């Protein structure tokens, strides 16, 4: 278990991120793009609305606000998105810079989504890599 157990000392966020990320392989923007194009991964954008409106959207990515992520991606959940087809689904969580997405991916892994990962560098790395982005004006979750 990541985090603090009964006999463990408290950890700071940097150490927690390091522990979480040691538990799975993160994905680079180009690899995530290719996986999504090949229908081998579901890209999930957890950025809040103001960032999506300011910076744009990744075409084809499922937009799910961070506070709804577990409910929408749990394949057994009553509020799941239609894309949440099973525990073997490869989910790539995308936040703005690749920090919050690591914690979100860990949460999904705890729900049994063993292939959940996150995008190294987040949306900003995606954009810098020159991958497709559409206007975020009028986009909502």
N, C-alpha and C. Protein backbone atom coordinates (compact mmCIF):
# COMPACT_ATOMS: atom_id res chain seq x y z
N UNK A 1 0.84 -1.19 0.00
CA UNK A 1 0.00 0.00 0.00
C UNK A 1 0.88 1.24 0.00
N UNK A 2 0.54 2.20 -0.80
CA UNK A 2 1.26 3.45 -0.85
C UNK A 2 0.67 4.37 0.20
N UNK A 3 1.51 5.21 0.76
CA UNK A 3 1.01 6.14 1.76
C UNK A 3 1.51 5.77 3.13
N UNK A 4 0.66 5.93 4.10
CA UNK A 4 1.08 5.77 5.48
C UNK A 4 0.33 4.62 6.14
N UNK A 5 1.06 3.63 6.58
CA UNK A 5 0.49 2.54 7.35
C UNK A 5 0.59 2.84 8.83
N UNK A 6 0.17 1.92 9.67
CA UNK A 6 0.15 2.13 11.11
C UNK A 6 1.53 2.44 11.67
N UNK A 7 2.55 1.72 11.21
CA UNK A 7 3.89 1.89 11.76
C UNK A 7 4.83 2.69 10.88
N UNK A 8 4.31 3.35 9.85
CA UNK A 8 5.15 4.12 8.95
C UNK A 8 5.18 5.58 9.37
N UNK A 9 6.29 6.22 9.03
CA UNK A 9 6.42 7.66 9.29
C UNK A 9 5.64 8.42 8.23
N UNK A 10 5.20 9.62 8.53
CA UNK A 10 4.51 10.42 7.51
C UNK A 10 5.47 10.72 6.36
N UNK A 11 4.93 10.82 5.15
CA UNK A 11 5.75 11.14 3.98
C UNK A 11 5.25 12.44 3.37
N UNK A 12 6.15 13.16 2.72
CA UNK A 12 5.77 14.35 1.99
C UNK A 12 5.30 13.97 0.60
N UNK A 13 4.77 14.94 -0.11
CA UNK A 13 4.21 14.68 -1.42
C UNK A 13 5.26 14.21 -2.41
N UNK A 14 6.48 14.73 -2.34
CA UNK A 14 7.52 14.30 -3.27
C UNK A 14 7.85 12.83 -3.09
N UNK A 15 7.95 12.38 -1.84
CA UNK A 15 8.22 10.96 -1.58
C UNK A 15 7.02 10.10 -1.97
N UNK A 16 5.83 10.59 -1.70
CA UNK A 16 4.63 9.84 -2.08
C UNK A 16 4.58 9.65 -3.60
N UNK A 17 4.85 10.72 -4.35
CA UNK A 17 4.87 10.62 -5.82
C UNK A 17 5.91 9.60 -6.27
N UNK A 18 7.08 9.63 -5.66
CA UNK A 18 8.14 8.69 -6.02
C UNK A 18 7.69 7.25 -5.77
N UNK A 19 7.06 7.01 -4.65
CA UNK A 19 6.58 5.66 -4.32
C UNK A 19 5.50 5.21 -5.29
N UNK A 20 4.55 6.09 -5.57
CA UNK A 20 3.45 5.77 -6.48
C UNK A 20 4.01 5.43 -7.86
N UNK A 21 4.88 6.29 -8.36
CA UNK A 21 5.42 6.10 -9.71
C UNK A 21 6.31 4.87 -9.83
N UNK A 22 6.88 4.43 -8.74
CA UNK A 22 7.70 3.21 -8.76
C UNK A 22 6.84 1.97 -8.98
N UNK A 23 5.53 2.09 -8.78
CA UNK A 23 4.63 0.95 -8.87
C UNK A 23 4.10 0.65 -10.26
N UNK A 24 4.39 1.48 -11.24
CA UNK A 24 3.91 1.25 -12.60
C UNK A 24 4.78 2.02 -13.59
N UNK A 25 4.61 1.71 -14.87
CA UNK A 25 5.36 2.38 -15.91
C UNK A 25 4.53 3.52 -16.49
N UNK A 26 5.08 4.72 -16.44
CA UNK A 26 4.41 5.88 -17.02
C UNK A 26 4.60 5.88 -18.52
N UNK A 27 3.84 6.70 -19.22
CA UNK A 27 3.86 6.70 -20.69
C UNK A 27 4.20 8.09 -21.21
N UNK A 28 5.00 8.12 -22.26
CA UNK A 28 5.40 9.37 -22.92
C UNK A 28 4.31 9.80 -23.91
N UNK A 29 4.26 11.09 -24.25
CA UNK A 29 3.20 11.59 -25.13
C UNK A 29 3.06 10.86 -26.47
N UNK A 30 4.14 10.64 -27.19
CA UNK A 30 4.04 10.00 -28.50
C UNK A 30 3.50 8.58 -28.37
N UNK A 31 3.96 7.84 -27.36
CA UNK A 31 3.48 6.47 -27.14
C UNK A 31 1.99 6.48 -26.79
N UNK A 32 1.57 7.44 -25.98
CA UNK A 32 0.15 7.55 -25.62
C UNK A 32 -0.70 7.85 -26.85
N UNK A 33 -0.22 8.75 -27.69
CA UNK A 33 -0.93 9.09 -28.92
C UNK A 33 -1.11 7.86 -29.80
N UNK A 34 -0.02 7.12 -29.99
CA UNK A 34 -0.07 5.93 -30.85
C UNK A 34 -0.98 4.86 -30.26
N UNK A 35 -0.94 4.69 -28.92
CA UNK A 35 -1.82 3.70 -28.27
C UNK A 35 -3.28 4.08 -28.45
N UNK A 36 -3.58 5.37 -28.31
CA UNK A 36 -4.96 5.83 -28.49
C UNK A 36 -5.41 5.66 -29.94
N UNK A 37 -4.53 5.97 -30.87
CA UNK A 37 -4.85 5.82 -32.29
C UNK A 37 -5.11 4.36 -32.65
N UNK A 38 -4.42 3.45 -31.98
CA UNK A 38 -4.59 2.03 -32.23
C UNK A 38 -5.67 1.39 -31.36
N UNK A 39 -6.46 2.21 -30.70
CA UNK A 39 -7.52 1.75 -29.79
C UNK A 39 -6.99 0.83 -28.69
N UNK A 40 -5.73 1.05 -28.28
CA UNK A 40 -5.13 0.27 -27.21
C UNK A 40 -5.11 1.03 -25.89
N UNK A 41 -5.61 2.26 -25.88
CA UNK A 41 -5.62 3.04 -24.64
C UNK A 41 -6.74 4.07 -24.68
N UNK A 42 -7.30 4.32 -23.53
CA UNK A 42 -8.28 5.38 -23.34
C UNK A 42 -7.58 6.55 -22.67
N UNK A 43 -7.51 7.69 -23.35
CA UNK A 43 -6.93 8.89 -22.77
C UNK A 43 -8.01 9.57 -21.95
N UNK A 44 -7.67 9.94 -20.71
CA UNK A 44 -8.63 10.57 -19.81
C UNK A 44 -8.03 11.87 -19.29
N UNK A 45 -8.64 12.97 -19.68
CA UNK A 45 -8.20 14.31 -19.31
C UNK A 45 -8.90 14.73 -18.02
N UNK A 46 -8.11 14.92 -16.94
CA UNK A 46 -8.70 15.30 -15.64
C UNK A 46 -8.46 16.77 -15.31
N UNK A 47 -7.97 17.54 -16.26
CA UNK A 47 -7.75 18.97 -16.00
C UNK A 47 -9.07 19.68 -15.75
N UNK A 48 -9.02 20.71 -14.95
CA UNK A 48 -10.26 21.45 -14.70
C UNK A 48 -10.60 22.36 -15.88
N UNK A 49 -11.85 22.77 -15.92
CA UNK A 49 -12.41 23.45 -17.09
C UNK A 49 -11.61 24.66 -17.55
N UNK A 50 -11.13 25.48 -16.63
CA UNK A 50 -10.40 26.68 -17.02
C UNK A 50 -9.14 26.32 -17.82
N UNK A 51 -8.45 25.25 -17.46
CA UNK A 51 -7.26 24.85 -18.21
C UNK A 51 -7.63 24.29 -19.58
N UNK A 52 -8.72 23.54 -19.63
CA UNK A 52 -9.17 23.02 -20.93
C UNK A 52 -9.57 24.15 -21.86
N UNK A 53 -10.25 25.14 -21.32
CA UNK A 53 -10.68 26.29 -22.13
C UNK A 53 -9.47 27.11 -22.57
N UNK A 54 -8.50 27.27 -21.70
CA UNK A 54 -7.32 28.07 -22.02
C UNK A 54 -6.41 27.37 -23.03
N UNK A 55 -6.13 26.08 -22.80
CA UNK A 55 -5.11 25.38 -23.58
C UNK A 55 -5.63 24.45 -24.66
N UNK A 56 -6.90 24.08 -24.58
CA UNK A 56 -7.47 23.19 -25.58
C UNK A 56 -7.63 21.77 -25.07
N UNK A 57 -8.06 20.91 -25.99
CA UNK A 57 -8.38 19.53 -25.67
C UNK A 57 -7.60 18.58 -26.55
N UNK A 58 -7.41 17.36 -26.06
CA UNK A 58 -6.82 16.30 -26.85
C UNK A 58 -7.98 15.60 -27.57
N UNK A 59 -7.99 15.61 -28.90
CA UNK A 59 -9.09 14.97 -29.63
C UNK A 59 -9.26 13.50 -29.22
N UNK A 60 -10.48 13.13 -28.92
CA UNK A 60 -10.79 11.76 -28.56
C UNK A 60 -10.62 11.42 -27.10
N UNK A 61 -10.01 12.32 -26.32
CA UNK A 61 -9.83 12.04 -24.90
C UNK A 61 -11.16 12.18 -24.17
N UNK A 62 -11.38 11.30 -23.22
CA UNK A 62 -12.55 11.40 -22.34
C UNK A 62 -12.24 12.44 -21.29
N UNK A 63 -13.09 13.44 -21.15
CA UNK A 63 -12.90 14.48 -20.13
C UNK A 63 -13.70 14.09 -18.90
N UNK A 64 -12.98 13.95 -17.79
CA UNK A 64 -13.59 13.60 -16.51
C UNK A 64 -12.93 14.45 -15.43
N UNK A 65 -13.71 15.26 -14.77
CA UNK A 65 -13.15 16.05 -13.68
C UNK A 65 -12.53 15.13 -12.65
N UNK A 66 -11.43 15.55 -12.04
CA UNK A 66 -10.70 14.70 -11.10
C UNK A 66 -11.60 14.17 -9.98
N UNK A 67 -12.50 14.99 -9.48
CA UNK A 67 -13.34 14.56 -8.35
C UNK A 67 -14.38 13.51 -8.75
N UNK A 68 -14.51 13.22 -10.05
CA UNK A 68 -15.45 12.19 -10.52
C UNK A 68 -14.75 10.97 -11.10
N UNK A 69 -13.42 11.00 -11.16
CA UNK A 69 -12.66 10.00 -11.90
C UNK A 69 -12.98 8.56 -11.48
N UNK A 70 -12.90 8.25 -10.22
CA UNK A 70 -13.11 6.87 -9.77
C UNK A 70 -14.53 6.40 -10.06
N UNK A 71 -15.50 7.27 -9.90
CA UNK A 71 -16.89 6.90 -10.17
C UNK A 71 -17.13 6.65 -11.65
N UNK A 72 -16.48 7.42 -12.50
CA UNK A 72 -16.70 7.30 -13.94
C UNK A 72 -15.90 6.16 -14.57
N UNK A 73 -14.76 5.77 -13.98
CA UNK A 73 -13.91 4.75 -14.58
C UNK A 73 -14.02 3.38 -13.92
N UNK A 74 -14.69 3.27 -12.80
CA UNK A 74 -14.86 1.98 -12.15
C UNK A 74 -15.81 1.13 -13.01
N UNK A 75 -15.32 0.03 -13.59
CA UNK A 75 -16.16 -0.79 -14.46
C UNK A 75 -17.37 -1.39 -13.75
N UNK A 76 -17.33 -1.45 -12.43
CA UNK A 76 -18.44 -2.00 -11.66
C UNK A 76 -19.35 -0.91 -11.10
N UNK A 77 -18.99 0.35 -11.30
CA UNK A 77 -19.72 1.45 -10.70
C UNK A 77 -21.03 1.78 -11.40
N UNK A 78 -21.95 2.25 -10.63
CA UNK A 78 -23.26 2.62 -11.17
C UNK A 78 -23.21 3.92 -11.97
N UNK A 79 -22.16 4.72 -11.81
CA UNK A 79 -22.02 5.99 -12.52
C UNK A 79 -20.90 5.95 -13.56
N UNK A 80 -20.53 4.76 -13.98
CA UNK A 80 -19.39 4.62 -14.90
C UNK A 80 -19.73 5.20 -16.28
N UNK A 81 -18.66 5.65 -16.93
CA UNK A 81 -18.77 6.10 -18.31
C UNK A 81 -18.87 4.86 -19.20
N UNK A 82 -19.48 5.00 -20.34
CA UNK A 82 -19.62 3.86 -21.25
C UNK A 82 -18.25 3.32 -21.68
N UNK A 83 -17.23 4.15 -21.65
CA UNK A 83 -15.88 3.74 -22.03
C UNK A 83 -15.23 2.82 -20.99
N UNK A 84 -15.76 2.79 -19.76
CA UNK A 84 -15.21 1.97 -18.69
C UNK A 84 -15.68 0.53 -18.86
N UNK A 85 -15.03 -0.16 -19.79
CA UNK A 85 -15.52 -1.46 -20.23
C UNK A 85 -15.03 -2.66 -19.43
N UNK A 86 -13.99 -2.48 -18.63
CA UNK A 86 -13.49 -3.61 -17.85
C UNK A 86 -12.21 -3.25 -17.12
N UNK A 87 -11.82 -4.13 -16.20
CA UNK A 87 -10.62 -3.88 -15.41
C UNK A 87 -9.33 -3.99 -16.22
N UNK A 88 -9.39 -4.59 -17.40
CA UNK A 88 -8.19 -4.71 -18.22
C UNK A 88 -8.00 -3.52 -19.16
N UNK A 89 -8.87 -2.53 -19.06
CA UNK A 89 -8.79 -1.33 -19.89
C UNK A 89 -7.49 -0.58 -19.58
N UNK A 90 -6.78 -0.20 -20.63
CA UNK A 90 -5.57 0.61 -20.47
C UNK A 90 -5.99 2.07 -20.45
N UNK A 91 -5.85 2.69 -19.30
CA UNK A 91 -6.23 4.09 -19.10
C UNK A 91 -4.97 4.93 -18.94
N UNK A 92 -4.90 6.04 -19.67
CA UNK A 92 -3.81 7.00 -19.54
C UNK A 92 -4.41 8.28 -18.99
N UNK A 93 -4.12 8.59 -17.74
CA UNK A 93 -4.65 9.78 -17.09
C UNK A 93 -3.75 10.97 -17.43
N UNK A 94 -4.40 12.08 -17.77
CA UNK A 94 -3.67 13.28 -18.19
C UNK A 94 -4.13 14.46 -17.34
N UNK A 95 -3.17 15.07 -16.66
CA UNK A 95 -3.44 16.33 -15.96
C UNK A 95 -2.65 17.42 -16.69
N UNK A 96 -2.42 18.54 -16.07
CA UNK A 96 -1.75 19.63 -16.76
C UNK A 96 -0.25 19.38 -16.95
N UNK A 97 0.44 18.93 -15.89
CA UNK A 97 1.89 18.77 -15.98
C UNK A 97 2.39 17.40 -15.55
N UNK A 98 1.50 16.47 -15.21
CA UNK A 98 1.93 15.12 -14.89
C UNK A 98 2.18 14.82 -13.42
N UNK A 99 1.58 15.59 -12.53
CA UNK A 99 1.72 15.32 -11.10
C UNK A 99 0.44 14.72 -10.53
N UNK A 100 -0.65 15.46 -10.62
CA UNK A 100 -1.93 14.97 -10.10
C UNK A 100 -2.34 13.68 -10.81
N UNK A 101 -1.96 13.52 -12.05
CA UNK A 101 -2.33 12.32 -12.80
C UNK A 101 -1.67 11.07 -12.23
N UNK A 102 -0.49 11.20 -11.65
CA UNK A 102 0.16 10.05 -11.04
C UNK A 102 -0.65 9.54 -9.85
N UNK A 103 -1.12 10.44 -9.02
CA UNK A 103 -1.95 10.05 -7.88
C UNK A 103 -3.28 9.49 -8.34
N UNK A 104 -3.83 10.07 -9.40
CA UNK A 104 -5.10 9.59 -9.94
C UNK A 104 -4.95 8.18 -10.52
N UNK A 105 -3.86 7.93 -11.23
CA UNK A 105 -3.62 6.60 -11.80
C UNK A 105 -3.49 5.57 -10.69
N UNK A 106 -2.82 5.93 -9.62
CA UNK A 106 -2.69 5.02 -8.47
C UNK A 106 -4.06 4.69 -7.90
N UNK A 107 -4.92 5.67 -7.81
CA UNK A 107 -6.27 5.45 -7.30
C UNK A 107 -7.04 4.47 -8.19
N UNK A 108 -6.91 4.63 -9.50
CA UNK A 108 -7.57 3.71 -10.43
C UNK A 108 -7.00 2.30 -10.31
N UNK A 109 -5.71 2.21 -10.10
CA UNK A 109 -5.09 0.90 -9.92
C UNK A 109 -5.65 0.20 -8.68
N UNK A 110 -5.92 0.96 -7.66
CA UNK A 110 -6.52 0.39 -6.43
C UNK A 110 -7.94 -0.11 -6.67
N UNK A 111 -8.60 0.43 -7.69
CA UNK A 111 -9.94 -0.05 -8.07
C UNK A 111 -9.87 -1.28 -8.98
N UNK A 112 -8.66 -1.74 -9.27
CA UNK A 112 -8.50 -2.93 -10.09
C UNK A 112 -8.15 -2.67 -11.53
N UNK A 113 -8.01 -1.41 -11.91
CA UNK A 113 -7.60 -1.07 -13.28
C UNK A 113 -6.08 -1.17 -13.35
N UNK A 114 -5.59 -2.39 -13.45
CA UNK A 114 -4.15 -2.67 -13.32
C UNK A 114 -3.31 -2.07 -14.43
N UNK A 115 -3.92 -1.67 -15.52
CA UNK A 115 -3.18 -1.07 -16.64
C UNK A 115 -3.25 0.45 -16.64
N UNK A 116 -3.79 1.04 -15.59
CA UNK A 116 -3.87 2.50 -15.50
C UNK A 116 -2.47 3.08 -15.35
N UNK A 117 -2.23 4.16 -16.04
CA UNK A 117 -0.96 4.86 -15.98
C UNK A 117 -1.23 6.35 -16.18
N UNK A 118 -0.17 7.14 -16.26
CA UNK A 118 -0.37 8.56 -16.53
C UNK A 118 0.68 9.05 -17.51
N UNK A 119 0.39 10.22 -18.05
CA UNK A 119 1.22 10.83 -19.09
C UNK A 119 2.35 11.64 -18.46
N UNK A 120 3.59 11.27 -18.77
CA UNK A 120 4.75 12.02 -18.30
C UNK A 120 4.66 13.44 -18.83
N UNK A 121 4.68 14.42 -17.95
CA UNK A 121 4.63 15.82 -18.36
C UNK A 121 3.24 16.36 -18.64
N UNK A 122 2.23 15.49 -18.59
CA UNK A 122 0.85 15.91 -18.75
C UNK A 122 0.53 16.56 -20.09
N UNK A 123 -0.56 17.32 -20.09
CA UNK A 123 -1.02 17.98 -21.31
C UNK A 123 0.06 18.88 -21.90
N UNK A 124 0.80 19.55 -21.04
CA UNK A 124 1.83 20.47 -21.54
C UNK A 124 2.88 19.74 -22.37
N UNK A 125 3.27 18.53 -21.94
CA UNK A 125 4.23 17.73 -22.71
C UNK A 125 3.61 17.27 -24.02
N UNK A 126 2.32 16.93 -23.98
CA UNK A 126 1.60 16.53 -25.20
C UNK A 126 1.66 17.67 -26.22
N UNK A 127 1.35 18.86 -25.76
CA UNK A 127 1.34 20.03 -26.65
C UNK A 127 2.74 20.34 -27.18
N UNK A 128 3.74 20.29 -26.32
CA UNK A 128 5.13 20.56 -26.73
C UNK A 128 5.60 19.54 -27.76
N UNK A 129 5.10 18.30 -27.64
CA UNK A 129 5.47 17.25 -28.60
C UNK A 129 4.82 17.46 -29.96
N UNK A 130 3.94 18.46 -30.07
CA UNK A 130 3.29 18.76 -31.34
C UNK A 130 2.15 17.82 -31.68
N UNK A 131 1.61 17.17 -30.68
CA UNK A 131 0.50 16.25 -30.91
C UNK A 131 -0.81 17.03 -31.01
N UNK A 132 -1.85 16.43 -31.60
CA UNK A 132 -3.09 17.16 -31.88
C UNK A 132 -3.76 17.76 -30.64
N UNK A 133 -4.19 19.00 -30.78
CA UNK A 133 -4.94 19.73 -29.77
C UNK A 133 -6.01 20.52 -30.49
N UNK A 134 -7.22 20.51 -29.94
CA UNK A 134 -8.31 21.31 -30.50
C UNK A 134 -8.66 22.42 -29.54
N UNK A 135 -9.40 23.38 -30.01
CA UNK A 135 -9.83 24.51 -29.19
C UNK A 135 -10.65 24.00 -28.00
N UNK A 136 -10.42 24.60 -26.84
CA UNK A 136 -11.16 24.21 -25.65
C UNK A 136 -12.38 25.09 -25.42
N UNK A 137 -12.63 26.06 -26.27
CA UNK A 137 -13.74 26.99 -26.09
C UNK A 137 -15.05 26.21 -26.17
N UNK A 138 -15.85 26.36 -25.13
CA UNK A 138 -17.14 25.72 -25.09
C UNK A 138 -17.11 24.27 -24.65
N UNK A 139 -15.94 23.73 -24.33
CA UNK A 139 -15.84 22.33 -23.91
C UNK A 139 -16.20 22.20 -22.45
N UNK A 140 -17.04 21.21 -22.15
CA UNK A 140 -17.33 20.92 -20.75
C UNK A 140 -17.25 19.42 -20.51
N UNK A 141 -17.15 19.09 -19.21
CA UNK A 141 -17.01 17.68 -18.81
C UNK A 141 -18.28 16.92 -19.03
